[in-house]
Amino acid sequence: MNPVTNMKKVLSERNLVVVLFVAALTIFSFAQEDAKKAEKVYQGNAIEPLLLAAPKQTANNIAPTAKTVSTTPLVK
């Protein structure tokens, strides 16, 4: 094998590694920024996200039920 060809292969592999490393750093940088934004949104509201997942309750602490359908005709 030609030494020049072998050197080009090493350089191209190194370039690929550098590009992938920079891409990984960029992605993790954006992820960290998003995590900081999400933390600011929920800061001080630690209980609120849990309440959003809880079922909605009425004043009597009874979960609302489905409306019943009337069987009487609407025509007078």
Protein backbone atom coordinates (compact mmCIF):
# COMPACT_ATOMS: atom_id res chain seq x y z
CA MET A 1 0.00 0.00 0.00
CA ASN A 2 1.21 3.47 -0.82
CA PRO A 3 2.29 5.49 2.28
CA VAL A 4 0.49 8.58 0.95
CA THR A 5 -2.80 6.67 0.67
CA ASN A 6 -2.34 5.30 4.18
CA MET A 7 -1.68 8.83 5.51
CA LYS A 8 -4.80 10.20 3.79
CA LYS A 9 -6.86 7.44 5.40
CA VAL A 10 -5.53 8.33 8.87
CA LEU A 11 -6.23 12.01 8.28
CA SER A 12 -9.75 11.34 7.04
CA GLU A 13 -10.47 9.17 10.10
CA ARG A 14 -9.09 11.88 12.35
CA ASN A 15 -11.26 14.47 10.60
CA LEU A 16 -14.31 12.26 11.07
CA VAL A 17 -13.55 11.90 14.78
CA VAL A 18 -13.14 15.67 15.14
CA VAL A 19 -16.41 16.36 13.32
CA LEU A 20 -18.30 13.83 15.46
CA PHE A 21 -16.76 15.26 18.65
CA VAL A 22 -17.77 18.82 17.71
CA ALA A 23 -21.27 17.60 16.81
CA ALA A 24 -21.61 15.85 20.19
CA LEU A 25 -20.44 18.96 22.06
CA THR A 26 -22.91 21.11 20.13
CA ILE A 27 -25.82 18.78 20.83
CA PHE A 28 -25.00 18.54 24.54
CA SER A 29 -24.64 22.32 24.70
CA PHE A 30 -28.16 22.80 23.31
CA ALA A 31 -29.50 20.12 25.65
CA GLN A 32 -27.95 21.86 28.65
CA GLU A 33 -29.48 25.19 27.61
CA ASP A 34 -32.90 23.57 27.30
CA ALA A 35 -32.50 21.91 30.69
CA LYS A 36 -31.70 25.29 32.26
CA LYS A 37 -34.79 26.82 30.65
CA ALA A 38 -36.97 23.97 31.90
CA GLU A 39 -35.51 24.33 35.39
CA LYS A 40 -36.37 28.04 35.43
CA VAL A 41 -39.94 27.25 34.37
CA TYR A 42 -40.44 24.76 37.19
CA GLN A 43 -38.37 26.59 39.80
CA GLY A 44 -40.60 27.38 42.75
CA ASN A 45 -43.43 25.34 41.24
CA ALA A 46 -42.27 21.90 42.38
CA ILE A 47 -45.79 20.72 43.19
CA GLU A 48 -47.53 22.20 40.15
CA PRO A 49 -46.23 19.69 37.56
CA LEU A 50 -47.58 16.90 39.75
CA LEU A 51 -50.96 18.60 39.92
CA LEU A 52 -51.13 18.85 36.16
CA ALA A 53 -51.03 15.06 35.93
CA ALA A 54 -53.65 14.56 38.67
CA PRO A 55 -57.29 14.07 37.66
CA LYS A 56 -59.44 17.17 37.78
CA GLN A 57 -61.66 17.37 40.87
CA THR A 58 -64.81 19.34 41.64
CA ALA A 59 -65.69 21.25 44.81
CA ASN A 60 -66.98 18.04 46.43
CA ASN A 61 -63.65 16.26 45.80
CA ILE A 62 -65.38 13.92 43.39
CA ALA A 63 -63.94 13.38 39.96
CA PRO A 64 -66.36 14.55 37.24
CA THR A 65 -68.22 11.78 35.51
CA ALA A 66 -69.40 11.49 31.94
CA LYS A 67 -72.63 13.29 31.13
CA THR A 68 -75.66 11.10 30.82
CA VAL A 69 -77.58 11.10 27.57
CA SER A 70 -81.25 11.90 27.75
CA THR A 71 -83.59 9.40 26.10
CA THR A 72 -86.49 11.85 25.78
CA PRO A 73 -87.08 13.22 22.28
CA LEU A 74 -86.26 16.87 21.64
CA VAL A 75 -89.26 17.41 19.34
CA LYS A 76 -92.28 19.10 20.91
